[in-house]
Amino acid sequence: MADSAFFCTLSHEGVLAVRGADASKFLQGQLTCNLNYLSDTQASLGARCTQKGRMQSSFRIVLEGDGVLLAMASELLEPQLADLKKYAVFSKSKLTDESAAWVRFGLDHGDAALSSLGLELPADTDSVVRHESLIAIRVSPDRAELWVAADQADLIKSKLSALLSEGTLNHWLLGQIRAGIGQVMPSTRELFIPQMLNLQAVGGVSFKKGCYTGQEIVARMQYLGKLKRRLYRLTLDASELPEPGTSLFSPSHGSSIGEVVLAASAGQNIELLAVLQAEAAEGGDIHLGTLEGPALHLLDLPYQLDRDREIQR
C-alpha cells in the first residue's frame, strides 16, 4: 500500500493557529524556521525549542487568512499553546486550537486526485497550491497533505474515495519515515535538539533569521559543535511497533545509544527513525529495548547532511 496511490485522514495531529497583525513577527522570535520564507505558495517544517535548544514541538507551518497554522502531534497542542501564550502577552496575536476547524488528508501518489479538485501542486517539496478554501502542500516526493475546512470534509473525502484507495495512518507514517522526516511526539518532548532530527537538512531551521528561543544552542551546534547524535532510518524484524522514546542499545556501550523517533509496519517487518550516537550507528550492532533485544539494521536516508548548504538557509 505504501508504494501505491492512497489517501488517509491525518487523525494523529492537531492544528495550532496564530492569528493577528503581529502573528508572523511574534513567531519569528519563537520558532526555528524563517517566517519570511512563507508565502501563499511556500510552507515549511519547523520547531519550537526551549532556551536550552530542546524541541517542545515540531510541525508543518502554512499561511492561512490573517495568520498561520501549525500542524503537530495532537497531544503537544495544549502544552505548546500554554508556553507560547506566555510570550504573546504584548503581541497583537491570538493563539488558539483550531483542530476542530480542519480535516487534513495525506495523499500518496495522489496528484491526479488533487488535480480533479482544481489543485495543480508543483513537485517541489514545501510548495503550496490553493483553490477556493482548499490547501495542498507537497511534503516529500509524491506525497501531499490536503487541508480542508471541517464543513467540507465529508464532500472532499467522498471525492477522494472515488479516485483513490483509503489507506491507514500506518501507511502514511511509513512514507514519512522513508522520507526521513522525524517528528516530536509526547514521549520525546524536550529530548532532542533540531539537528538530532536532521531538521536543518529538511528545511526546518534557518541560520540567517536572527534570534529565537534556543537559537544560541542550535547555532553553536551547527557552526562550532560536532553533532554526536542524529537521525537514522532502520529496519527491525518484529511485529510489535516500538513506541517513540524506546531506548536503543549496543554491546560496545554501557548505556543507551539512542531513542526511537517514529515507527511503522512495513509488511513483514518494521521501519523506523531513531536518533543514535553516530559512533554506535557506524558500528552497526544495535538492539531494541535491551542489549539482548531484537537487532536493527541501517537503511539509507533520501538526503545527505551538508553543513555548508544548510547554513545558507
Protein backbone atom coordinates (compact mmCIF):
# COMPACT_ATOMS: atom_id res chain seq x y z
CA MET A 1 0.00 0.00 0.00
CA ALA A 2 2.80 2.45 0.86
CA ASP A 3 4.05 2.20 -2.74
CA SER A 4 0.65 2.70 -4.42
CA ALA A 5 -1.83 5.54 -4.58
CA PHE A 6 -3.94 6.08 -1.46
CA PHE A 7 -5.23 8.68 0.94
CA CYS A 8 -5.89 8.70 4.67
CA THR A 9 -7.07 11.06 7.36
CA LEU A 10 -4.24 12.55 9.42
CA SER A 11 -6.02 11.93 12.70
CA HIS A 12 -2.87 11.93 14.83
CA GLU A 13 -2.24 15.66 14.53
CA GLY A 14 -3.99 18.85 15.54
CA VAL A 15 -3.78 22.43 14.31
CA LEU A 16 -2.49 25.38 16.33
CA ALA A 17 -3.46 28.78 14.90
CA VAL A 18 -1.65 32.07 15.48
CA ARG A 19 -3.61 34.96 14.00
CA GLY A 20 -3.50 38.73 14.07
CA ALA A 21 -1.43 41.69 12.88
CA ASP A 22 1.70 40.53 14.74
CA ALA A 23 1.38 36.78 14.17
CA SER A 24 4.41 36.36 11.91
CA LYS A 25 6.51 38.92 13.79
CA PHE A 26 5.78 37.20 17.08
CA LEU A 27 6.55 33.71 15.80
CA GLN A 28 9.76 34.84 14.10
CA GLY A 29 11.26 35.20 17.57
CA GLN A 30 9.91 31.84 18.76
CA LEU A 31 10.43 29.25 16.01
CA THR A 32 13.42 27.69 14.23
CA CYS A 33 12.03 28.31 10.74
CA ASN A 34 12.07 31.65 8.94
CA LEU A 35 8.58 33.13 8.71
CA ASN A 36 9.78 35.46 5.96
CA TYR A 37 10.14 32.44 3.68
CA LEU A 38 6.46 31.56 3.98
CA SER A 39 4.12 32.65 1.21
CA ASP A 40 0.89 31.63 -0.46
CA THR A 41 2.98 29.12 -2.43
CA GLN A 42 5.50 28.01 0.23
CA ALA A 43 5.16 26.15 3.55
CA SER A 44 7.87 24.91 5.92
CA LEU A 45 8.77 22.48 8.63
CA GLY A 46 9.87 23.97 11.93
CA ALA A 47 10.21 23.54 15.68
CA ARG A 48 9.69 25.42 18.92
CA CYS A 49 12.60 24.99 21.35
CA THR A 50 13.29 25.64 25.00
CA GLN A 51 16.03 28.08 25.99
CA LYS A 52 18.37 25.08 26.01
CA GLY A 53 17.55 24.25 22.40
CA ARG A 54 15.40 21.19 23.15
CA MET A 55 12.34 20.80 20.95
CA GLN A 56 8.95 21.20 22.61
CA SER A 57 7.23 20.52 19.30
CA SER A 58 7.88 20.07 15.62
CA PHE A 59 5.33 20.99 12.98
CA ARG A 60 4.45 21.94 9.44
CA ILE A 61 3.53 25.62 9.14
CA VAL A 62 1.47 27.33 6.43
CA LEU A 63 -0.01 30.79 5.94
CA GLU A 64 -3.80 30.99 6.19
CA GLY A 65 -6.04 34.04 6.38
CA ASP A 66 -4.76 36.57 8.90
CA GLY A 67 -2.09 34.30 10.35
CA VAL A 68 -0.51 30.87 10.25
CA LEU A 69 -1.46 27.29 11.05
CA LEU A 70 0.89 24.74 12.61
CA ALA A 71 0.14 21.00 12.40
CA MET A 72 1.71 18.94 15.17
CA ALA A 73 1.07 15.86 17.30
CA SER A 74 -2.31 16.42 18.97
CA GLU A 75 -1.02 15.81 22.49
CA LEU A 76 1.52 18.62 22.11
CA LEU A 77 -1.04 21.32 21.32
CA GLU A 78 -2.09 22.18 24.86
CA PRO A 79 1.42 22.46 26.36
CA GLN A 80 2.69 24.31 23.29
CA LEU A 81 -0.17 26.79 23.43
CA ALA A 82 0.44 27.38 27.13
CA ASP A 83 4.12 28.08 26.56
CA LEU A 84 3.67 30.39 23.58
CA LYS A 85 0.91 32.38 25.25
CA LYS A 86 3.34 33.43 27.97
CA TYR A 87 5.33 35.31 25.34
CA ALA A 88 2.40 36.69 23.34
CA VAL A 89 1.03 38.98 26.06
CA PHE A 90 2.26 42.19 24.42
CA SER A 91 1.76 41.00 20.85
CA LYS A 92 -1.23 41.67 18.61
CA SER A 93 -1.73 37.98 18.00
CA LYS A 94 -4.20 35.37 19.17
CA LEU A 95 -3.27 31.74 19.75
CA THR A 96 -5.96 29.06 19.59
CA ASP A 97 -6.50 25.36 18.98
CA GLU A 98 -8.20 25.14 15.56
CA SER A 99 -8.08 21.34 15.31
CA ALA A 100 -11.88 21.11 15.11
CA ALA A 101 -11.96 23.58 12.21
CA TRP A 102 -9.78 21.50 9.88
CA VAL A 103 -9.60 17.98 8.50
CA ARG A 104 -6.30 17.04 6.91
CA PHE A 105 -5.77 14.22 4.44
CA GLY A 106 -2.49 12.63 3.42
CA LEU A 107 -2.22 11.65 -0.25
CA ASP A 108 0.43 9.30 -1.58
CA HIS A 109 0.76 9.36 -5.40
CA GLY A 110 -2.46 11.34 -5.38
CA ASP A 111 -1.68 14.23 -7.74
CA ALA A 112 -4.43 13.23 -10.17
CA ALA A 113 -6.97 13.40 -7.35
CA LEU A 114 -5.67 16.84 -6.37
CA SER A 115 -5.98 17.97 -9.98
CA SER A 116 -9.61 16.90 -10.01
CA LEU A 117 -10.15 19.33 -7.12
CA GLY A 118 -8.50 22.19 -9.01
CA LEU A 119 -5.16 21.82 -7.23
CA GLU A 120 -2.15 21.58 -9.57
CA LEU A 121 0.56 21.03 -6.98
CA PRO A 122 4.21 21.57 -8.03
CA ALA A 123 6.67 18.75 -7.39
CA ASP A 124 8.98 20.84 -5.19
CA THR A 125 8.87 19.92 -1.50
CA ASP A 126 7.09 22.54 0.66
CA SER A 127 5.27 24.01 -2.34
CA VAL A 128 1.67 25.08 -1.71
CA VAL A 129 -1.31 25.49 -4.01
CA ARG A 130 -4.76 26.77 -3.11
CA HIS A 131 -8.17 26.54 -4.76
CA GLU A 132 -11.23 28.07 -3.18
CA SER A 133 -10.81 27.09 0.51
CA LEU A 134 -8.60 24.01 -0.10
CA ILE A 135 -4.86 23.98 0.63
CA ALA A 136 -2.47 21.35 -0.75
CA ILE A 137 1.15 21.07 0.44
CA ARG A 138 3.93 18.94 -1.07
CA VAL A 139 5.59 17.23 1.90
CA SER A 140 8.01 14.94 0.02
CA PRO A 141 8.21 13.46 -3.50
CA ASP A 142 4.80 12.00 -4.49
CA ARG A 143 3.30 12.82 -1.06
CA ALA A 144 1.00 15.71 -0.22
CA GLU A 145 -1.25 16.99 2.52
CA LEU A 146 -4.72 18.34 1.74
CA TRP A 147 -6.13 20.78 4.31
CA VAL A 148 -9.91 21.06 4.24
CA ALA A 149 -12.35 23.15 6.27
CA ALA A 150 -14.26 20.78 8.54
CA ASP A 151 -17.66 21.59 6.99
CA GLN A 152 -16.38 20.41 3.59
CA ALA A 153 -14.54 17.33 4.80
CA ASP A 154 -17.22 14.74 4.04
CA LEU A 155 -17.68 16.03 0.49
CA ILE A 156 -13.94 16.11 -0.22
CA LYS A 157 -13.44 12.67 1.29
CA SER A 158 -16.12 11.22 -0.98
CA LYS A 159 -14.40 12.75 -4.00
CA LEU A 160 -11.05 11.32 -2.92
CA SER A 161 -12.62 7.91 -2.33
CA ALA A 162 -13.83 7.85 -5.93
CA LEU A 163 -10.27 8.14 -7.19
CA LEU A 164 -8.01 6.65 -4.50
CA SER A 165 -7.97 3.70 -2.14
CA GLU A 166 -8.28 4.65 1.51
CA GLY A 167 -5.17 3.61 3.40
CA THR A 168 -4.27 3.63 7.06
CA LEU A 169 -2.32 6.13 9.09
CA ASN A 170 0.43 3.50 9.35
CA HIS A 171 0.83 3.62 5.55
CA TRP A 172 1.22 7.38 5.69
CA LEU A 173 3.74 7.27 8.54
CA LEU A 174 5.77 4.68 6.66
CA GLY A 175 6.09 7.18 3.83
CA GLN A 176 7.18 9.84 6.30
CA ILE A 177 9.83 7.50 7.70
CA ARG A 178 11.11 6.74 4.21
CA ALA A 179 11.29 10.48 3.54
CA GLY A 180 13.48 10.82 6.64
CA ILE A 181 11.24 13.35 8.36
CA GLY A 182 11.35 12.99 12.13
CA GLN A 183 8.74 14.35 14.49
CA VAL A 184 8.49 15.28 18.16
CA MET A 185 5.96 13.13 19.99
CA PRO A 186 4.69 13.47 23.58
CA SER A 187 7.20 10.91 24.88
CA THR A 188 10.13 12.68 23.16
CA ARG A 189 9.19 16.25 24.05
CA GLU A 190 12.28 18.27 25.07
CA LEU A 191 14.55 15.30 24.33
CA PHE A 192 16.17 16.38 21.04
CA ILE A 193 17.75 19.50 19.61
CA PRO A 194 16.70 20.16 15.98
CA GLN A 195 19.88 18.75 14.41
CA MET A 196 19.30 15.43 16.15
CA LEU A 197 16.17 15.04 13.98
CA ASN A 198 18.06 16.30 10.89
CA LEU A 199 15.57 19.18 10.87
CA GLN A 200 18.16 21.51 9.35
CA ALA A 201 18.52 19.09 6.40
CA VAL A 202 14.82 19.23 5.52
CA GLY A 203 14.36 22.99 5.67
CA GLY A 204 13.08 23.35 9.23
CA VAL A 205 15.89 25.52 10.64
CA SER A 206 17.08 28.91 9.39
CA PHE A 207 20.56 30.11 10.33
CA LYS A 208 20.05 33.56 8.80
CA LYS A 209 16.88 34.71 10.53
CA GLY A 210 18.36 36.04 13.78
CA CYS A 211 17.35 35.33 17.35
CA TYR A 212 14.64 32.94 18.51
CA THR A 213 14.17 30.88 21.65
CA GLY A 214 17.01 28.34 21.82
CA GLN A 215 18.81 29.88 18.82
CA GLU A 216 22.17 30.21 20.54
CA ILE A 217 22.39 26.48 21.29
CA VAL A 218 21.15 25.46 17.83
CA ALA A 219 23.52 27.82 16.01
CA ARG A 220 26.50 26.86 18.16
CA MET A 221 25.94 23.20 17.34
CA GLN A 222 25.83 23.97 13.62
CA TYR A 223 28.88 26.22 13.48
CA LEU A 224 31.12 25.04 16.31
CA GLY A 225 29.96 21.70 17.60
CA LYS A 226 30.34 18.18 16.33
CA LEU A 227 26.95 16.52 16.29
CA LYS A 228 27.34 13.20 18.07
CA ARG A 229 23.69 12.10 17.76
CA ARG A 230 21.49 12.33 14.68
CA LEU A 231 18.57 10.75 12.88
CA TYR A 232 18.93 7.38 11.14
CA ARG A 233 16.50 5.10 9.33
CA LEU A 234 16.47 1.43 10.33
CA THR A 235 14.58 -1.80 9.85
CA LEU A 236 13.53 -4.22 12.56
CA ASP A 237 12.38 -7.83 12.20
CA ALA A 238 9.48 -7.73 14.65
CA SER A 239 5.70 -7.44 14.72
CA GLU A 240 5.09 -5.08 17.63
CA LEU A 241 5.76 -1.42 16.95
CA PRO A 242 8.19 0.22 19.38
CA GLU A 243 6.90 3.41 20.94
CA PRO A 244 8.65 6.75 20.38
CA GLY A 245 11.27 7.21 23.07
CA THR A 246 12.08 3.48 23.34
CA SER A 247 15.79 3.14 24.13
CA LEU A 248 18.30 1.51 21.80
CA PHE A 249 21.48 -0.25 22.91
CA SER A 250 24.82 -1.51 21.60
CA PRO A 251 27.12 -4.07 23.28
CA SER A 252 30.06 -1.70 22.84
CA HIS A 253 28.42 0.96 25.01
CA GLY A 254 27.45 0.78 28.63
CA SER A 255 24.25 2.79 28.35
CA SER A 256 21.55 3.72 25.85
CA ILE A 257 22.85 4.90 22.48
CA GLY A 258 19.62 6.45 21.26
CA GLU A 259 15.83 6.50 21.09
CA VAL A 260 13.10 5.59 18.63
CA VAL A 261 11.52 8.65 16.99
CA LEU A 262 8.80 7.12 14.80
CA ALA A 263 7.96 3.57 13.68
CA ALA A 264 5.56 1.94 11.20
CA SER A 265 4.81 -1.55 9.95
CA ALA A 266 6.26 -2.43 6.54
CA GLY A 267 4.89 -5.80 5.53
CA GLN A 268 6.73 -8.50 7.48
CA ASN A 269 8.99 -6.08 9.33
CA ILE A 270 9.11 -2.59 10.83
CA GLU A 271 10.81 0.53 9.59
CA LEU A 272 11.68 3.33 11.95
CA LEU A 273 13.54 6.56 12.51
CA ALA A 274 15.79 6.78 15.54
CA VAL A 275 18.27 9.23 16.99
CA LEU A 276 21.54 7.37 17.52
CA GLN A 277 25.07 8.12 18.59
CA ALA A 278 26.95 8.31 15.31
CA GLU A 279 29.80 6.14 16.60
CA ALA A 280 27.41 3.37 17.63
CA ALA A 281 25.47 3.61 14.36
CA GLU A 282 28.65 3.15 12.38
CA GLY A 283 29.39 0.02 14.41
CA GLY A 284 26.08 -1.42 13.24
CA ASP A 285 25.34 -3.60 16.29
CA ILE A 286 22.10 -2.01 17.51
CA HIS A 287 19.35 -3.56 19.62
CA LEU A 288 15.88 -2.51 20.69
CA GLY A 289 14.99 -2.08 24.35
CA THR A 290 17.89 -4.03 25.88
CA LEU A 291 21.32 -5.35 24.93
CA GLU A 292 19.64 -8.67 24.16
CA GLY A 293 16.70 -7.13 22.29
CA PRO A 294 15.87 -7.52 18.59
CA ALA A 295 18.57 -6.35 16.19
CA LEU A 296 18.12 -3.35 13.94
CA HIS A 297 19.77 -2.73 10.58
CA LEU A 298 20.57 0.62 9.00
CA LEU A 299 18.79 1.84 5.86
CA ASP A 300 19.59 4.82 3.66
CA LEU A 301 18.01 8.23 4.07
CA PRO A 302 16.90 10.09 0.92
CA TYR A 303 19.13 13.09 1.64
CA GLN A 304 22.67 13.92 2.72
CA LEU A 305 23.72 16.14 5.61
CA ASP A 306 25.59 19.14 4.17
CA ARG A 307 26.59 21.78 6.72
CA ASP A 308 27.63 24.37 4.11
CA ARG A 309 24.32 24.09 2.29
CA GLU A 310 22.27 24.04 5.49
CA ILE A 311 23.70 27.30 6.86
CA GLN A 312 22.69 29.15 3.71
CA ARG A 313 19.01 28.84 4.56
